[in-house]
């Protein structure tokens, strides 16, 4: 009997589309990930076409089991690197599937390494305990620490736990993390500036409306009698 675990990498695969649709209706999805990950699934095909993400889906006996994706990747003098997101579909969650989840990730990791992605990094929100178990225990990442105010979660900067697949890459992890933190801070500043401008416009509009109301509907003059 052959290996029941296979990896699908074709972006337009019906199985990958199915996995994305399952994630979008998963309650865990809206609370476990940062705003950037949520936008990835809402614009999945567009992100793939723009070469912003590369999907890797492991299946068990033909059934979609877990989806991982490379994002924010690049290359330098040491070769390629990538950040990796991932989740297990609801059917294969739980302790009884732990070994299967490990086998699925190992198959995905081999495909990623074949593409040159030896340096892999991941991040989890502090409250996402299931994600931390998947990243650390199942996928074998080493926890490097917590980066304060690292990414946007529900529109606000929040802390994140960072991981590296290979401990020797930890120093480079923090270099890349700072770059992503700068981008998150830039987006947050733009959002705050836009919000301040909106409030100022609303205040000016209300001021003008109140004075126009007085001009068009003047208060009746008071009559004083002796």
N, C-alpha and C. Protein backbone atom coordinates (compact mmCIF):
# COMPACT_ATOMS: atom_id res chain seq x y z
N UNK A 1 0.85 -1.20 0.00
CA UNK A 1 0.00 0.00 0.00
C UNK A 1 0.88 1.25 0.00
N UNK A 2 0.59 2.21 -0.86
CA UNK A 2 1.39 3.42 -0.97
C UNK A 2 1.11 4.40 0.15
N UNK A 3 1.88 5.47 0.17
CA UNK A 3 1.71 6.52 1.17
C UNK A 3 0.38 7.22 0.95
N UNK A 4 -0.49 7.26 1.98
CA UNK A 4 -1.80 7.91 1.80
C UNK A 4 -1.74 9.44 1.84
N UNK A 5 -0.55 9.99 2.19
CA UNK A 5 -0.40 11.44 2.26
C UNK A 5 0.22 11.96 0.97
N UNK A 6 -0.44 12.93 0.37
CA UNK A 6 0.07 13.55 -0.85
C UNK A 6 -0.01 15.06 -0.70
N UNK A 7 0.77 15.77 -1.49
CA UNK A 7 0.79 17.23 -1.43
C UNK A 7 0.32 17.80 -2.76
N UNK A 8 -0.63 18.73 -2.70
CA UNK A 8 -1.16 19.41 -3.88
C UNK A 8 -0.61 20.82 -3.89
N UNK A 9 -0.04 21.23 -5.01
CA UNK A 9 0.54 22.57 -5.11
C UNK A 9 -0.07 23.39 -6.24
N UNK A 10 -0.94 22.78 -7.06
CA UNK A 10 -1.55 23.52 -8.16
C UNK A 10 -2.53 24.54 -7.59
N UNK A 11 -2.27 25.81 -7.83
CA UNK A 11 -3.06 26.87 -7.22
C UNK A 11 -4.54 26.80 -7.56
N UNK A 12 -4.87 26.30 -8.78
CA UNK A 12 -6.27 26.25 -9.20
C UNK A 12 -6.90 24.89 -8.91
N UNK A 13 -6.26 24.09 -8.08
CA UNK A 13 -6.79 22.77 -7.74
C UNK A 13 -8.13 22.89 -7.01
N UNK A 14 -9.13 22.10 -7.38
CA UNK A 14 -10.41 22.12 -6.66
C UNK A 14 -10.24 21.80 -5.17
N UNK A 15 -9.25 20.99 -4.83
CA UNK A 15 -9.04 20.64 -3.43
C UNK A 15 -8.52 21.83 -2.63
N UNK A 16 -7.65 22.62 -3.24
CA UNK A 16 -7.18 23.83 -2.56
C UNK A 16 -8.31 24.85 -2.44
N UNK A 17 -9.12 24.96 -3.47
CA UNK A 17 -10.28 25.86 -3.40
C UNK A 17 -11.23 25.42 -2.29
N UNK A 18 -11.43 24.10 -2.19
CA UNK A 18 -12.30 23.57 -1.14
C UNK A 18 -11.74 23.91 0.24
N UNK A 19 -10.43 23.73 0.42
CA UNK A 19 -9.80 24.02 1.70
C UNK A 19 -9.99 25.49 2.07
N UNK A 20 -9.84 26.38 1.11
CA UNK A 20 -10.03 27.82 1.37
C UNK A 20 -11.46 28.12 1.78
N UNK A 21 -12.42 27.49 1.12
CA UNK A 21 -13.83 27.72 1.46
C UNK A 21 -14.14 27.21 2.87
N UNK A 22 -13.50 26.11 3.27
CA UNK A 22 -13.69 25.59 4.62
C UNK A 22 -13.12 26.55 5.66
N UNK A 23 -11.98 27.11 5.35
CA UNK A 23 -11.33 28.03 6.29
C UNK A 23 -12.18 29.29 6.48
N UNK A 24 -12.76 29.79 5.41
CA UNK A 24 -13.54 31.03 5.48
C UNK A 24 -14.77 30.91 6.39
N UNK A 25 -15.33 29.71 6.52
CA UNK A 25 -16.52 29.52 7.36
C UNK A 25 -16.15 28.96 8.73
N UNK A 26 -14.86 28.84 9.00
CA UNK A 26 -14.39 28.32 10.27
C UNK A 26 -14.35 29.44 11.30
N UNK A 27 -15.03 29.28 12.43
CA UNK A 27 -15.05 30.31 13.47
C UNK A 27 -13.65 30.61 13.99
N UNK A 28 -12.81 29.61 14.04
CA UNK A 28 -11.44 29.76 14.53
C UNK A 28 -10.66 30.75 13.66
N UNK A 29 -11.00 30.76 12.39
CA UNK A 29 -10.29 31.58 11.40
C UNK A 29 -10.33 33.07 11.74
N UNK A 30 -11.46 33.56 12.22
CA UNK A 30 -11.63 35.00 12.45
C UNK A 30 -11.00 35.48 13.75
N UNK A 31 -10.63 34.57 14.64
CA UNK A 31 -10.04 34.98 15.92
C UNK A 31 -8.58 34.59 16.05
N UNK A 32 -8.13 33.63 15.25
CA UNK A 32 -6.79 33.07 15.44
C UNK A 32 -5.70 33.80 14.68
N UNK A 33 -6.06 34.52 13.61
CA UNK A 33 -5.05 35.11 12.73
C UNK A 33 -5.14 36.62 12.67
N UNK A 34 -4.03 37.21 12.25
CA UNK A 34 -3.97 38.65 12.08
C UNK A 34 -4.74 39.10 10.86
N UNK A 35 -4.88 40.42 10.72
CA UNK A 35 -5.66 40.98 9.62
C UNK A 35 -5.09 40.60 8.26
N UNK A 36 -3.77 40.49 8.16
CA UNK A 36 -3.15 40.14 6.88
C UNK A 36 -3.52 38.75 6.42
N UNK A 37 -3.55 37.79 7.34
CA UNK A 37 -3.94 36.41 6.98
C UNK A 37 -5.39 36.35 6.55
N UNK A 38 -6.24 37.10 7.21
CA UNK A 38 -7.66 37.11 6.84
C UNK A 38 -7.84 37.64 5.43
N UNK A 39 -7.08 38.69 5.07
CA UNK A 39 -7.18 39.23 3.72
C UNK A 39 -6.67 38.23 2.68
N UNK A 40 -5.71 37.39 3.09
CA UNK A 40 -5.19 36.39 2.16
C UNK A 40 -6.30 35.47 1.69
N UNK A 41 -7.11 34.97 2.61
CA UNK A 41 -8.16 34.02 2.22
C UNK A 41 -9.32 34.70 1.52
N UNK A 42 -9.57 35.95 1.85
CA UNK A 42 -10.65 36.66 1.18
C UNK A 42 -10.30 36.98 -0.27
N UNK A 43 -8.99 37.05 -0.55
CA UNK A 43 -8.54 37.33 -1.93
C UNK A 43 -7.50 36.28 -2.35
N UNK A 44 -7.83 35.03 -2.07
CA UNK A 44 -6.88 33.93 -2.26
C UNK A 44 -6.34 33.85 -3.69
N UNK A 45 -7.23 33.74 -4.68
CA UNK A 45 -6.80 33.58 -6.06
C UNK A 45 -6.01 34.80 -6.55
N UNK A 46 -6.46 35.98 -6.14
CA UNK A 46 -5.75 37.20 -6.53
C UNK A 46 -4.33 37.21 -5.96
N UNK A 47 -4.19 36.79 -4.71
CA UNK A 47 -2.87 36.74 -4.08
C UNK A 47 -1.96 35.76 -4.80
N UNK A 48 -2.52 34.63 -5.25
CA UNK A 48 -1.72 33.64 -5.97
C UNK A 48 -1.29 34.20 -7.32
N UNK A 49 -2.23 34.81 -8.02
CA UNK A 49 -1.92 35.36 -9.34
C UNK A 49 -0.87 36.46 -9.25
N UNK A 50 -0.85 37.19 -8.15
CA UNK A 50 0.12 38.26 -7.95
C UNK A 50 1.44 37.74 -7.36
N UNK A 51 1.51 36.41 -7.20
CA UNK A 51 2.72 35.75 -6.69
C UNK A 51 3.07 36.22 -5.27
N UNK A 52 2.03 36.50 -4.49
CA UNK A 52 2.26 36.91 -3.11
C UNK A 52 2.23 35.72 -2.16
N UNK A 53 1.60 34.63 -2.58
CA UNK A 53 1.56 33.41 -1.78
C UNK A 53 1.75 32.20 -2.67
N UNK A 54 2.24 31.11 -2.07
CA UNK A 54 2.39 29.83 -2.77
C UNK A 54 1.74 28.76 -1.87
N UNK A 55 0.67 28.09 -2.33
CA UNK A 55 -0.04 27.15 -1.47
C UNK A 55 0.53 25.73 -1.52
N UNK A 56 0.40 25.03 -0.38
CA UNK A 56 0.79 23.63 -0.26
C UNK A 56 -0.29 22.93 0.57
N UNK A 57 -1.03 22.04 -0.03
CA UNK A 57 -2.12 21.34 0.66
C UNK A 57 -1.75 19.87 0.81
N UNK A 58 -1.76 19.35 2.04
CA UNK A 58 -1.57 17.92 2.20
C UNK A 58 -2.92 17.23 2.31
N UNK A 59 -3.01 16.09 1.68
CA UNK A 59 -4.25 15.32 1.68
C UNK A 59 -4.00 13.94 2.27
N UNK A 60 -5.06 13.35 2.80
CA UNK A 60 -4.99 12.00 3.37
C UNK A 60 -6.04 11.15 2.67
N UNK A 61 -5.56 10.16 1.93
CA UNK A 61 -6.45 9.33 1.12
C UNK A 61 -7.34 10.19 0.22
N UNK A 62 -6.75 11.24 -0.32
CA UNK A 62 -7.47 12.11 -1.25
C UNK A 62 -8.27 13.21 -0.60
N UNK A 63 -8.40 13.21 0.73
CA UNK A 63 -9.18 14.23 1.43
C UNK A 63 -8.28 15.37 1.90
N UNK A 64 -8.66 16.63 1.64
CA UNK A 64 -7.86 17.76 2.12
C UNK A 64 -7.71 17.72 3.64
N UNK A 65 -6.47 17.80 4.10
CA UNK A 65 -6.23 17.71 5.54
C UNK A 65 -5.67 18.96 6.15
N UNK A 66 -4.66 19.54 5.54
CA UNK A 66 -4.04 20.75 6.09
C UNK A 66 -3.49 21.63 4.99
N UNK A 67 -3.64 22.92 5.17
CA UNK A 67 -3.18 23.88 4.16
C UNK A 67 -2.08 24.74 4.75
N UNK A 68 -0.95 24.80 4.04
CA UNK A 68 0.16 25.68 4.40
C UNK A 68 0.44 26.58 3.20
N UNK A 69 0.96 27.76 3.46
CA UNK A 69 1.26 28.66 2.35
C UNK A 69 2.50 29.49 2.66
N UNK A 70 3.32 29.66 1.65
CA UNK A 70 4.50 30.52 1.76
C UNK A 70 4.08 31.95 1.43
N UNK A 71 4.57 32.90 2.21
CA UNK A 71 4.24 34.31 1.98
C UNK A 71 5.38 35.17 2.48
N UNK A 72 5.42 36.41 2.03
CA UNK A 72 6.49 37.33 2.41
C UNK A 72 7.86 36.67 2.21
N UNK A 73 8.00 36.00 1.07
CA UNK A 73 9.25 35.30 0.79
C UNK A 73 10.20 36.19 0.01
N UNK A 74 11.44 35.75 -0.07
CA UNK A 74 12.45 36.51 -0.78
C UNK A 74 13.73 35.69 -0.93
N UNK A 75 14.78 36.36 -1.33
CA UNK A 75 16.05 35.68 -1.55
C UNK A 75 17.19 36.65 -1.31
N UNK A 76 18.27 36.16 -0.71
CA UNK A 76 19.47 36.96 -0.51
C UNK A 76 20.69 36.12 -0.84
N UNK A 77 21.86 36.56 -0.40
CA UNK A 77 23.09 35.84 -0.75
C UNK A 77 23.13 34.43 -0.15
N UNK A 78 22.31 34.17 0.87
CA UNK A 78 22.28 32.84 1.49
C UNK A 78 21.21 31.94 0.88
N UNK A 79 20.43 32.46 -0.06
CA UNK A 79 19.39 31.67 -0.68
C UNK A 79 18.00 32.18 -0.36
N UNK A 80 17.02 31.33 -0.55
CA UNK A 80 15.61 31.72 -0.37
C UNK A 80 15.19 31.59 1.10
N UNK A 81 14.19 32.38 1.45
CA UNK A 81 13.57 32.29 2.77
C UNK A 81 12.08 32.56 2.61
N UNK A 82 11.30 32.17 3.60
CA UNK A 82 9.86 32.43 3.52
C UNK A 82 9.23 32.38 4.91
N UNK A 83 8.17 33.13 5.07
CA UNK A 83 7.28 32.97 6.20
C UNK A 83 6.22 31.95 5.79
N UNK A 84 5.74 31.18 6.74
CA UNK A 84 4.80 30.10 6.43
C UNK A 84 3.57 30.21 7.32
N UNK A 85 2.40 30.20 6.70
CA UNK A 85 1.15 30.13 7.44
C UNK A 85 0.61 28.73 7.31
N UNK A 86 -0.27 28.34 8.21
CA UNK A 86 -0.80 27.00 8.10
C UNK A 86 -1.98 26.75 9.01
N UNK A 87 -2.79 25.78 8.64
CA UNK A 87 -3.91 25.35 9.47
C UNK A 87 -4.30 23.93 9.10
N UNK A 88 -4.96 23.28 10.02
CA UNK A 88 -5.49 21.94 9.78
C UNK A 88 -7.01 22.07 9.65
N UNK A 89 -7.58 21.44 8.65
CA UNK A 89 -9.03 21.51 8.47
C UNK A 89 -9.72 20.77 9.62
N UNK A 90 -10.95 21.18 9.90
CA UNK A 90 -11.66 20.71 11.09
C UNK A 90 -11.73 19.19 11.21
N UNK A 91 -11.86 18.50 10.10
CA UNK A 91 -12.03 17.03 10.14
C UNK A 91 -10.82 16.33 10.75
N UNK A 92 -9.64 16.94 10.61
CA UNK A 92 -8.42 16.27 11.07
C UNK A 92 -7.77 16.98 12.25
N UNK A 93 -8.56 17.70 13.02
CA UNK A 93 -8.04 18.32 14.23
C UNK A 93 -8.19 17.38 15.42
N UNK A 94 -7.43 17.64 16.46
CA UNK A 94 -7.52 16.83 17.66
C UNK A 94 -6.30 15.95 17.87
N UNK A 95 -6.12 15.48 19.10
CA UNK A 95 -4.93 14.72 19.47
C UNK A 95 -4.81 13.41 18.69
N UNK A 96 -5.94 12.78 18.35
CA UNK A 96 -5.85 11.49 17.68
C UNK A 96 -5.27 11.60 16.27
N UNK A 97 -5.27 12.83 15.73
CA UNK A 97 -4.72 13.05 14.39
C UNK A 97 -3.33 13.66 14.43
N UNK A 98 -2.72 13.71 15.62
CA UNK A 98 -1.43 14.41 15.75
C UNK A 98 -0.36 13.83 14.83
N UNK A 99 -0.22 12.53 14.80
CA UNK A 99 0.81 11.91 13.96
C UNK A 99 0.52 12.14 12.49
N UNK A 100 -0.75 12.14 12.12
CA UNK A 100 -1.10 12.41 10.72
C UNK A 100 -0.76 13.85 10.37
N UNK A 101 -1.03 14.78 11.28
CA UNK A 101 -0.69 16.18 11.03
C UNK A 101 0.82 16.35 10.86
N UNK A 102 1.61 15.65 11.67
CA UNK A 102 3.07 15.71 11.54
C UNK A 102 3.51 15.16 10.19
N UNK A 103 2.89 14.05 9.78
CA UNK A 103 3.23 13.46 8.49
C UNK A 103 2.87 14.40 7.34
N UNK A 104 1.73 15.07 7.48
CA UNK A 104 1.31 16.01 6.45
C UNK A 104 2.28 17.18 6.33
N UNK A 105 2.69 17.73 7.50
CA UNK A 105 3.64 18.83 7.46
C UNK A 105 4.98 18.40 6.91
N UNK A 106 5.46 17.21 7.29
CA UNK A 106 6.75 16.75 6.78
C UNK A 106 6.73 16.63 5.26
N UNK A 107 5.59 16.19 4.71
CA UNK A 107 5.47 16.10 3.25
C UNK A 107 5.50 17.49 2.63
N UNK A 108 4.79 18.44 3.26
CA UNK A 108 4.79 19.82 2.77
C UNK A 108 6.19 20.43 2.86
N UNK A 109 6.84 20.21 4.00
CA UNK A 109 8.18 20.78 4.20
C UNK A 109 9.15 20.29 3.13
N UNK A 110 9.07 19.02 2.78
CA UNK A 110 9.94 18.48 1.74
C UNK A 110 9.70 19.18 0.40
N UNK A 111 8.44 19.46 0.09
CA UNK A 111 8.11 20.17 -1.15
C UNK A 111 8.67 21.60 -1.11
N UNK A 112 8.57 22.23 0.06
CA UNK A 112 9.07 23.60 0.18
C UNK A 112 10.59 23.63 0.08
N UNK A 113 11.24 22.68 0.71
CA UNK A 113 12.70 22.62 0.63
C UNK A 113 13.16 22.34 -0.79
N UNK A 114 12.38 21.55 -1.52
CA UNK A 114 12.72 21.26 -2.92
C UNK A 114 12.69 22.54 -3.76
N UNK A 115 11.91 23.53 -3.31
CA UNK A 115 11.85 24.82 -4.01
C UNK A 115 12.89 25.80 -3.49
N UNK A 116 13.69 25.34 -2.56
CA UNK A 116 14.76 26.18 -2.04
C UNK A 116 14.45 26.87 -0.73
N UNK A 117 13.27 26.64 -0.18
CA UNK A 117 12.89 27.31 1.07
C UNK A 117 13.40 26.51 2.28
N UNK A 118 14.67 26.66 2.58
CA UNK A 118 15.23 26.00 3.75
C UNK A 118 15.03 26.85 5.01
N UNK A 119 15.02 28.15 4.84
CA UNK A 119 14.81 29.05 5.98
C UNK A 119 13.33 29.40 6.05
N UNK A 120 12.65 28.81 7.02
CA UNK A 120 11.20 29.01 7.17
C UNK A 120 10.92 29.62 8.54
N UNK A 121 10.00 30.58 8.55
CA UNK A 121 9.64 31.28 9.78
C UNK A 121 8.12 31.33 9.92
N UNK A 122 7.65 31.41 11.15
CA UNK A 122 6.21 31.43 11.39
C UNK A 122 5.91 32.36 12.57
N UNK A 123 4.63 32.71 12.71
CA UNK A 123 4.21 33.60 13.79
C UNK A 123 2.81 33.20 14.26
N UNK A 124 2.57 33.36 15.55
CA UNK A 124 1.25 33.05 16.13
C UNK A 124 0.86 34.14 17.11
N UNK A 125 -0.40 34.47 17.13
CA UNK A 125 -0.91 35.39 18.15
C UNK A 125 -0.84 34.69 19.51
N UNK A 126 -0.56 35.43 20.58
CA UNK A 126 -0.41 34.81 21.91
C UNK A 126 -1.64 34.02 22.36
N UNK A 127 -2.83 34.45 21.98
CA UNK A 127 -4.03 33.75 22.43
C UNK A 127 -4.37 32.53 21.57
N UNK A 128 -3.65 32.36 20.46
CA UNK A 128 -3.92 31.24 19.56
C UNK A 128 -3.13 30.01 20.03
N UNK A 129 -3.60 29.38 21.08
CA UNK A 129 -2.89 28.23 21.65
C UNK A 129 -2.85 27.05 20.68
N UNK A 130 -3.94 26.82 19.95
CA UNK A 130 -3.95 25.72 18.99
C UNK A 130 -2.91 25.94 17.90
N UNK A 131 -2.79 27.19 17.46
CA UNK A 131 -1.79 27.50 16.45
C UNK A 131 -0.38 27.31 16.96
N UNK A 132 -0.14 27.63 18.24
CA UNK A 132 1.18 27.44 18.82
C UNK A 132 1.54 25.97 18.95
N UNK A 133 0.55 25.14 19.27
CA UNK A 133 0.78 23.69 19.33
C UNK A 133 1.10 23.14 17.94
N UNK A 134 0.31 23.59 16.95
CA UNK A 134 0.55 23.14 15.57
C UNK A 134 1.94 23.55 15.10
N UNK A 135 2.32 24.81 15.38
CA UNK A 135 3.60 25.32 14.92
C UNK A 135 4.78 24.69 15.64
N UNK A 136 4.70 24.63 16.97
CA UNK A 136 5.82 24.13 17.75
C UNK A 136 5.92 22.62 17.82
N UNK A 137 4.83 21.97 18.24
CA UNK A 137 4.87 20.53 18.47
C UNK A 137 4.69 19.72 17.18
N UNK A 138 3.74 20.14 16.36
CA UNK A 138 3.44 19.36 15.16
C UNK A 138 4.44 19.63 14.04
N UNK A 139 4.69 20.90 13.78
CA UNK A 139 5.55 21.27 12.65
C UNK A 139 7.02 21.42 13.04
N UNK A 140 7.31 21.33 14.33
CA UNK A 140 8.70 21.32 14.77
C UNK A 140 9.45 22.64 14.72
N UNK A 141 8.73 23.75 14.71
CA UNK A 141 9.40 25.05 14.76
C UNK A 141 9.93 25.30 16.17
N UNK A 142 11.02 26.05 16.25
CA UNK A 142 11.58 26.46 17.54
C UNK A 142 11.08 27.86 17.87
N UNK A 143 10.57 28.05 19.09
CA UNK A 143 10.07 29.36 19.51
C UNK A 143 11.25 30.29 19.77
N UNK A 144 11.22 31.46 19.14
CA UNK A 144 12.32 32.42 19.28
C UNK A 144 12.00 33.52 20.29
N UNK A 145 10.72 33.73 20.58
CA UNK A 145 10.34 34.77 21.52
C UNK A 145 9.14 35.56 21.05
N UNK A 146 8.85 36.64 21.77
CA UNK A 146 7.68 37.48 21.48
C UNK A 146 8.15 38.83 20.96
N UNK A 147 7.56 39.26 19.87
CA UNK A 147 7.85 40.60 19.31
C UNK A 147 6.67 41.50 19.67
N UNK A 148 6.93 42.59 20.36
CA UNK A 148 5.88 43.49 20.81
C UNK A 148 5.34 44.32 19.65
N UNK A 149 4.02 44.48 19.63
CA UNK A 149 3.35 45.31 18.62
C UNK A 149 3.83 44.96 17.21
N UNK A 150 3.72 43.68 16.87
CA UNK A 150 4.34 43.20 15.63
C UNK A 150 3.41 43.20 14.42
N UNK A 151 2.11 42.91 14.63
CA UNK A 151 1.21 42.86 13.49
C UNK A 151 -0.14 43.43 13.86
N UNK A 152 -0.95 43.64 12.83
CA UNK A 152 -2.28 44.20 13.04
C UNK A 152 -3.28 43.09 13.31
N UNK A 153 -4.01 43.24 14.40
CA UNK A 153 -5.08 42.30 14.74
C UNK A 153 -6.31 43.12 15.07
N UNK A 154 -7.33 42.97 14.22
CA UNK A 154 -8.55 43.76 14.36
C UNK A 154 -8.25 45.27 14.37
N UNK A 155 -7.31 45.64 13.51
CA UNK A 155 -7.01 47.04 13.31
C UNK A 155 -6.03 47.65 14.28
N UNK A 156 -5.54 46.87 15.26
CA UNK A 156 -4.62 47.42 16.25
C UNK A 156 -3.33 46.60 16.27
N UNK A 157 -2.23 47.26 16.61
CA UNK A 157 -0.95 46.56 16.73
C UNK A 157 -0.98 45.66 17.95
N UNK A 158 -0.49 44.44 17.78
CA UNK A 158 -0.49 43.48 18.89
C UNK A 158 0.77 42.63 18.85
N UNK A 159 1.05 41.98 19.98
CA UNK A 159 2.24 41.15 20.10
C UNK A 159 2.08 39.87 19.28
N UNK A 160 3.22 39.22 19.00
CA UNK A 160 3.18 37.96 18.27
C UNK A 160 4.35 37.07 18.71
N UNK A 161 4.08 35.77 18.76
CA UNK A 161 5.11 34.78 19.08
C UNK A 161 5.76 34.35 17.75
N UNK A 162 7.08 34.42 17.69
CA UNK A 162 7.79 34.12 16.46
C UNK A 162 8.54 32.79 16.55
N UNK A 163 8.63 32.11 15.40
CA UNK A 163 9.24 30.78 15.34
C UNK A 163 10.17 30.68 14.14
N UNK A 164 11.16 29.78 14.26
CA UNK A 164 12.04 29.45 13.15
C UNK A 164 12.10 27.94 13.00
N UNK A 165 12.06 27.46 11.76
CA UNK A 165 12.13 26.03 11.52
C UNK A 165 13.50 25.47 11.89
N UNK A 166 14.54 26.25 11.66
CA UNK A 166 15.90 25.84 12.03
C UNK A 166 16.45 26.82 13.06
N UNK A 167 16.87 26.35 14.22
CA UNK A 167 17.37 27.25 15.26
C UNK A 167 18.52 28.14 14.80
N UNK A 168 19.34 27.67 13.88
CA UNK A 168 20.47 28.47 13.43
C UNK A 168 20.05 29.70 12.63
N UNK A 169 18.78 29.78 12.26
CA UNK A 169 18.29 30.93 11.49
C UNK A 169 17.64 32.00 12.36
N UNK A 170 17.74 31.84 13.69
CA UNK A 170 17.02 32.76 14.58
C UNK A 170 17.47 34.21 14.42
N UNK A 171 18.77 34.43 14.27
CA UNK A 171 19.26 35.80 14.11
C UNK A 171 18.63 36.46 12.89
N UNK A 172 18.54 35.72 11.81
CA UNK A 172 17.96 36.27 10.58
C UNK A 172 16.45 36.48 10.74
N UNK A 173 15.82 35.64 11.56
CA UNK A 173 14.39 35.79 11.83
C UNK A 173 14.09 37.18 12.37
N UNK A 174 14.90 37.65 13.32
CA UNK A 174 14.63 38.96 13.93
C UNK A 174 14.87 40.10 12.95
N UNK A 175 15.80 39.91 12.03
CA UNK A 175 16.02 40.92 11.00
C UNK A 175 14.79 41.04 10.11
N UNK A 176 14.27 39.90 9.66
CA UNK A 176 13.07 39.91 8.82
C UNK A 176 11.86 40.40 9.60
N UNK A 177 11.79 40.02 10.88
CA UNK A 177 10.65 40.43 11.70
C UNK A 177 10.57 41.94 11.83
N UNK A 178 11.73 42.60 11.96
CA UNK A 178 11.75 44.06 12.07
C UNK A 178 11.20 44.71 10.81
N UNK A 179 11.52 44.14 9.65
CA UNK A 179 11.01 44.68 8.40
C UNK A 179 9.49 44.58 8.35
N UNK A 180 8.95 43.44 8.77
CA UNK A 180 7.49 43.29 8.77
C UNK A 180 6.85 44.18 9.82
N UNK A 181 7.53 44.38 10.93
CA UNK A 181 7.00 45.27 11.97
C UNK A 181 6.92 46.70 11.46
N UNK A 182 7.93 47.13 10.72
CA UNK A 182 7.92 48.48 10.14
C UNK A 182 6.73 48.65 9.21
N UNK A 183 6.45 47.62 8.42
CA UNK A 183 5.31 47.70 7.50
C UNK A 183 4.00 47.77 8.27
N UNK A 184 3.88 46.99 9.34
CA UNK A 184 2.66 47.03 10.16
C UNK A 184 2.47 48.40 10.80
N UNK A 185 3.56 48.97 11.28
CA UNK A 185 3.48 50.31 11.90
C UNK A 185 3.11 51.37 10.86
N UNK A 186 3.63 51.21 9.64
CA UNK A 186 3.29 52.17 8.58
C UNK A 186 1.80 52.11 8.26
N UNK A 187 1.26 50.91 8.13
CA UNK A 187 -0.16 50.76 7.84
C UNK A 187 -1.00 51.32 8.99
N UNK A 188 -0.55 51.07 10.22
CA UNK A 188 -1.29 51.54 11.38
C UNK A 188 -1.29 53.07 11.43
N UNK A 189 -0.13 53.69 11.14
CA UNK A 189 -0.06 55.16 11.13
C UNK A 189 -1.01 55.73 10.08
N UNK A 190 -1.02 55.14 8.90
CA UNK A 190 -1.91 55.61 7.84
C UNK A 190 -3.37 55.51 8.28
N UNK A 191 -3.69 54.42 8.95
CA UNK A 191 -5.06 54.25 9.42
C UNK A 191 -5.42 55.30 10.46
N UNK A 192 -4.50 55.57 11.40
CA UNK A 192 -4.76 56.55 12.43
C UNK A 192 -4.88 57.96 11.84
N UNK A 193 -4.00 58.28 10.88
CA UNK A 193 -4.07 59.59 10.22
C UNK A 193 -5.39 59.76 9.48
N UNK A 194 -5.82 58.70 8.79
CA UNK A 194 -7.09 58.77 8.07
C UNK A 194 -8.25 58.94 9.04
N UNK A 195 -8.16 58.28 10.19
CA UNK A 195 -9.22 58.39 11.19
C UNK A 195 -9.26 59.81 11.77
N UNK A 196 -8.10 60.39 12.02
CA UNK A 196 -8.05 61.77 12.54
C UNK A 196 -8.64 62.76 11.53
N UNK A 197 -8.30 62.57 10.26
CA UNK A 197 -8.84 63.44 9.21
C UNK A 197 -10.36 63.29 9.12
N UNK A 198 -10.84 62.06 9.26
CA UNK A 198 -12.29 61.83 9.20
C UNK A 198 -12.99 62.54 10.35
N UNK A 199 -12.42 62.45 11.55
CA UNK A 199 -13.02 63.10 12.71
C UNK A 199 -13.01 64.62 12.56
N UNK A 200 -11.92 65.16 12.01
CA UNK A 200 -11.85 66.60 11.80
C UNK A 200 -12.91 67.04 10.79
N UNK A 201 -13.07 66.27 9.70
CA UNK A 201 -14.10 66.61 8.71
C UNK A 201 -15.49 66.56 9.32
N UNK A 202 -15.73 65.55 10.16
CA UNK A 202 -17.05 65.42 10.80
C UNK A 202 -17.31 66.61 11.72
N UNK A 203 -16.26 67.04 12.45
CA UNK A 203 -16.42 68.16 13.38
C UNK A 203 -16.71 69.45 12.61
N UNK A 204 -16.00 69.67 11.50
CA UNK A 204 -16.23 70.86 10.68
C UNK A 204 -17.64 70.83 10.08
N UNK A 205 -18.04 69.65 9.59
CA UNK A 205 -19.37 69.53 8.98
C UNK A 205 -20.46 69.83 10.00
N UNK A 206 -20.33 69.31 11.22
CA UNK A 206 -21.34 69.55 12.25
C UNK A 206 -21.37 71.03 12.64
N UNK A 207 -20.19 71.66 12.69
CA UNK A 207 -20.12 73.09 13.03
C UNK A 207 -20.84 73.92 11.98
N UNK A 208 -20.58 73.62 10.70
CA UNK A 208 -21.22 74.37 9.61
C UNK A 208 -22.73 74.13 9.62
N UNK A 209 -23.14 72.89 9.80
CA UNK A 209 -24.56 72.57 9.80
C UNK A 209 -25.29 73.29 10.93
N UNK A 210 -24.65 73.37 12.09
CA UNK A 210 -25.30 74.03 13.23
C UNK A 210 -25.47 75.52 12.96
N UNK A 211 -24.49 76.17 12.32
CA UNK A 211 -24.58 77.60 12.03
C UNK A 211 -25.54 77.86 10.89
N UNK A 212 -25.60 76.99 9.90
CA UNK A 212 -26.57 77.15 8.82
C UNK A 212 -27.98 77.01 9.36
N UNK A 213 -28.13 76.13 10.33
CA UNK A 213 -29.45 75.95 10.93
C UNK A 213 -29.91 77.23 11.63
N UNK A 214 -28.98 77.92 12.29
CA UNK A 214 -29.33 79.16 12.96
C UNK A 214 -29.70 80.25 11.96
N UNK A 215 -29.03 80.26 10.77
CA UNK A 215 -29.31 81.27 9.76
C UNK A 215 -30.65 81.05 9.09
N UNK A 216 -30.97 79.79 8.85
CA UNK A 216 -32.22 79.46 8.15
C UNK A 216 -33.41 79.38 9.10
N UNK A 217 -33.11 79.09 10.38
CA UNK A 217 -34.20 79.00 11.35
C UNK A 217 -33.82 79.83 12.57
N UNK A 218 -33.83 81.18 12.44
CA UNK A 218 -33.41 82.01 13.57
C UNK A 218 -34.37 81.89 14.74
N UNK A 219 -33.79 82.03 15.94
CA UNK A 219 -34.64 81.98 17.11
C UNK A 219 -35.48 83.26 17.18
N UNK A 220 -36.73 83.15 17.62
CA UNK A 220 -37.58 84.34 17.69
C UNK A 220 -37.02 85.36 18.69
N UNK A 221 -37.18 86.64 18.33
CA UNK A 221 -36.66 87.71 19.20
C UNK A 221 -37.42 87.74 20.50
N UNK A 222 -36.72 88.07 21.54
CA UNK A 222 -37.37 88.15 22.85
C UNK A 222 -37.99 89.53 23.04
N UNK A 223 -39.22 89.57 23.54
CA UNK A 223 -39.89 90.86 23.81
C UNK A 223 -39.84 91.14 25.29
N UNK A 224 -39.39 92.32 25.58
CA UNK A 224 -39.29 92.70 27.01
C UNK A 224 -40.36 93.73 27.31
N UNK A 225 -41.14 93.49 28.32
CA UNK A 225 -42.20 94.42 28.71
C UNK A 225 -41.88 94.97 30.11
N UNK A 226 -42.30 96.21 30.27
CA UNK A 226 -42.04 96.82 31.58
C UNK A 226 -43.28 96.70 32.44
